Structure formats: C-alpha cells, structure tokens
Amino acid sequence: MFNPWDHGSKAYRITLLTGTGLILVGIILAVVGGALQALPVQWAALALIGCGLVTHLVAQVIRARDAQRRHRMGSSPHR
C-alpha cells in the first residue's frame, strides 16, 4: 500500500508538519485566550490557525505535484 508520508518529499513533510504545528499552537492560544478573556490572544490564535490551514493546503499541493512527477516518470520510461 502507498504511504504518502514515506514516499513524500522532504518539502512535503516539513510543510505538513509546519502547518500542523501552527494549527496546534493556534488552538492552544485560543483556549488560553478564551479562559483569560484576552481578545488580542484570541485574534492571534485565529491568525495562527488560518496560517496553519494555508500551509497545510500548500503541503497538499506539493504532494500532488510530487505524485504527478512520479507518475510521469513511471508511465513513460522511453522519453
């Protein structure tokens, strides 16, 4: 079975982990900001979650690009 993590490029793995980390830090800040009722912390949390989601989507684009490149190399060996 194909595992994208094992077959993914280093750029894919780094981008994916960065996005996931940003989302995690954003969630933690959102909880802390909500508990302290600190609006600036809540806004920072939303910004981090948004950046994390965008970064995660970029990782998926990198993964798709890598898969297309792998497919092209495997399907036409005579080029």
C-alpha atoms as a PDB file:
ATOM      1  CA  MET A   1       0.000   0.000   0.000  1.00  0.00           C
ATOM      2  CA  PHE A   2       1.229   3.504  -0.849  1.00  0.00           C
ATOM      3  CA  ASN A   3       2.021   5.714   2.127  1.00  0.00           C
ATOM      4  CA  PRO A   4       2.367   9.429   1.247  1.00  0.00           C
ATOM      5  CA  TRP A   5       4.464  10.117   4.334  1.00  0.00           C
ATOM      6  CA  ASP A   6       7.087   7.503   3.418  1.00  0.00           C
ATOM      7  CA  HIS A   7       7.108   8.434  -0.268  1.00  0.00           C
ATOM      8  CA  GLY A   8       6.628  12.187   0.148  1.00  0.00           C
ATOM      9  CA  SER A   9       9.411  14.662  -0.433  1.00  0.00           C
ATOM     10  CA  LYS A  10      11.225  16.433   2.372  1.00  0.00           C
ATOM     11  CA  ALA A  11       9.470  19.682   1.391  1.00  0.00           C
ATOM     12  CA  TYR A  12       6.078  17.950   1.760  1.00  0.00           C
ATOM     13  CA  ARG A  13       6.902  16.594   5.207  1.00  0.00           C
ATOM     14  CA  ILE A  14       8.321  19.878   6.504  1.00  0.00           C
ATOM     15  CA  THR A  15       5.393  21.911   5.147  1.00  0.00           C
ATOM     16  CA  LEU A  16       2.839  19.464   6.536  1.00  0.00           C
ATOM     17  CA  LEU A  17       4.405  19.450  10.000  1.00  0.00           C
ATOM     18  CA  THR A  18       4.727  23.242   9.995  1.00  0.00           C
ATOM     19  CA  GLY A  19       1.033  23.631   9.157  1.00  0.00           C
ATOM     20  CA  THR A  20       0.030  21.118  11.799  1.00  0.00           C
ATOM     21  CA  GLY A  21       2.216  22.856  14.390  1.00  0.00           C
ATOM     22  CA  LEU A  22       0.732  26.258  13.596  1.00  0.00           C
ATOM     23  CA  ILE A  23      -2.781  24.867  13.973  1.00  0.00           C
ATOM     24  CA  LEU A  24      -1.859  23.229  17.298  1.00  0.00           C
ATOM     25  CA  VAL A  25      -0.327  26.429  18.704  1.00  0.00           C
ATOM     26  CA  GLY A  26      -3.358  28.374  17.473  1.00  0.00           C
ATOM     27  CA  ILE A  27      -5.761  26.025  19.235  1.00  0.00           C
ATOM     28  CA  ILE A  28      -3.776  26.260  22.466  1.00  0.00           C
ATOM     29  CA  LEU A  29      -3.753  30.070  22.235  1.00  0.00           C
ATOM     30  CA  ALA A  30      -7.487  30.086  21.516  1.00  0.00           C
ATOM     31  CA  VAL A  31      -8.169  28.096  24.666  1.00  0.00           C
ATOM     32  CA  VAL A  32      -5.861  30.289  26.756  1.00  0.00           C
ATOM     33  CA  GLY A  33      -7.294  33.471  25.238  1.00  0.00           C
ATOM     34  CA  GLY A  34     -10.812  32.274  25.918  1.00  0.00           C
ATOM     35  CA  ALA A  35     -10.022  31.361  29.511  1.00  0.00           C
ATOM     36  CA  LEU A  36      -8.365  34.719  30.145  1.00  0.00           C
ATOM     37  CA  GLN A  37     -10.871  36.624  28.019  1.00  0.00           C
ATOM     38  CA  ALA A  38      -7.961  38.245  26.199  1.00  0.00           C
ATOM     39  CA  LEU A  39      -9.163  39.373  22.797  1.00  0.00           C
ATOM     40  CA  PRO A  40      -5.683  40.035  21.315  1.00  0.00           C
ATOM     41  CA  VAL A  41      -4.636  36.467  22.163  1.00  0.00           C
ATOM     42  CA  GLN A  42      -7.806  35.136  20.530  1.00  0.00           C
ATOM     43  CA  TRP A  43      -7.104  37.123  17.350  1.00  0.00           C
ATOM     44  CA  ALA A  44      -3.527  35.858  17.294  1.00  0.00           C
ATOM     45  CA  ALA A  45      -4.881  32.330  17.682  1.00  0.00           C
ATOM     46  CA  LEU A  46      -7.199  32.795  14.709  1.00  0.00           C
ATOM     47  CA  ALA A  47      -4.316  34.123  12.623  1.00  0.00           C
ATOM     48  CA  LEU A  48      -2.142  31.126  13.517  1.00  0.00           C
ATOM     49  CA  ILE A  49      -4.924  28.665  12.741  1.00  0.00           C
ATOM     50  CA  GLY A  50      -5.520  30.373   9.392  1.00  0.00           C
ATOM     51  CA  CYS A  51      -1.808  30.322   8.515  1.00  0.00           C
ATOM     52  CA  GLY A  52      -1.659  26.688   9.551  1.00  0.00           C
ATOM     53  CA  LEU A  53      -4.557  25.788   7.279  1.00  0.00           C
ATOM     54  CA  VAL A  54      -2.997  27.612   4.334  1.00  0.00           C
ATOM     55  CA  THR A  55       0.350  25.912   4.992  1.00  0.00           C
ATOM     56  CA  HIS A  56      -1.383  22.539   5.206  1.00  0.00           C
ATOM     57  CA  LEU A  57      -3.039  23.174   1.838  1.00  0.00           C
ATOM     58  CA  VAL A  58       0.334  24.114   0.350  1.00  0.00           C
ATOM     59  CA  ALA A  59       1.641  20.758   1.566  1.00  0.00           C
ATOM     60  CA  GLN A  60      -1.177  19.018  -0.309  1.00  0.00           C
ATOM     61  CA  VAL A  61      -0.259  20.909  -3.484  1.00  0.00           C
ATOM     62  CA  ILE A  62       3.369  19.802  -3.051  1.00  0.00           C
ATOM     63  CA  ARG A  63       2.184  16.225  -2.556  1.00  0.00           C
ATOM     64  CA  ALA A  64       0.066  16.357  -5.732  1.00  0.00           C
ATOM     65  CA  ARG A  65       2.978  17.843  -7.699  1.00  0.00           C
ATOM     66  CA  ASP A  66       5.298  15.100  -6.444  1.00  0.00           C
ATOM     67  CA  ALA A  67       2.733  12.432  -7.355  1.00  0.00           C
ATOM     68  CA  GLN A  68       2.369  13.842 -10.885  1.00  0.00           C
ATOM     69  CA  ARG A  69       6.132  13.871 -11.314  1.00  0.00           C
ATOM     70  CA  ARG A  70       6.369  10.278 -10.036  1.00  0.00           C
ATOM     71  CA  HIS A  71       3.533   9.207 -12.352  1.00  0.00           C
ATOM     72  CA  ARG A  72       5.156  10.865 -15.388  1.00  0.00           C
ATOM     73  CA  MET A  73       8.471   9.191 -14.693  1.00  0.00           C
ATOM     74  CA  GLY A  74       6.880   5.785 -14.161  1.00  0.00           C
ATOM     75  CA  SER A  75       4.380   5.794 -17.028  1.00  0.00           C
ATOM     76  CA  SER A  76       6.691   6.914 -19.837  1.00  0.00           C
ATOM     77  CA  PRO A  77      10.154   5.426 -19.414  1.00  0.00           C
ATOM     78  CA  HIS A  78      11.007   5.913 -23.124  1.00  0.00           C
ATOM     79  CA  ARG A  79      11.187   9.719 -23.023  1.00  0.00           C
END
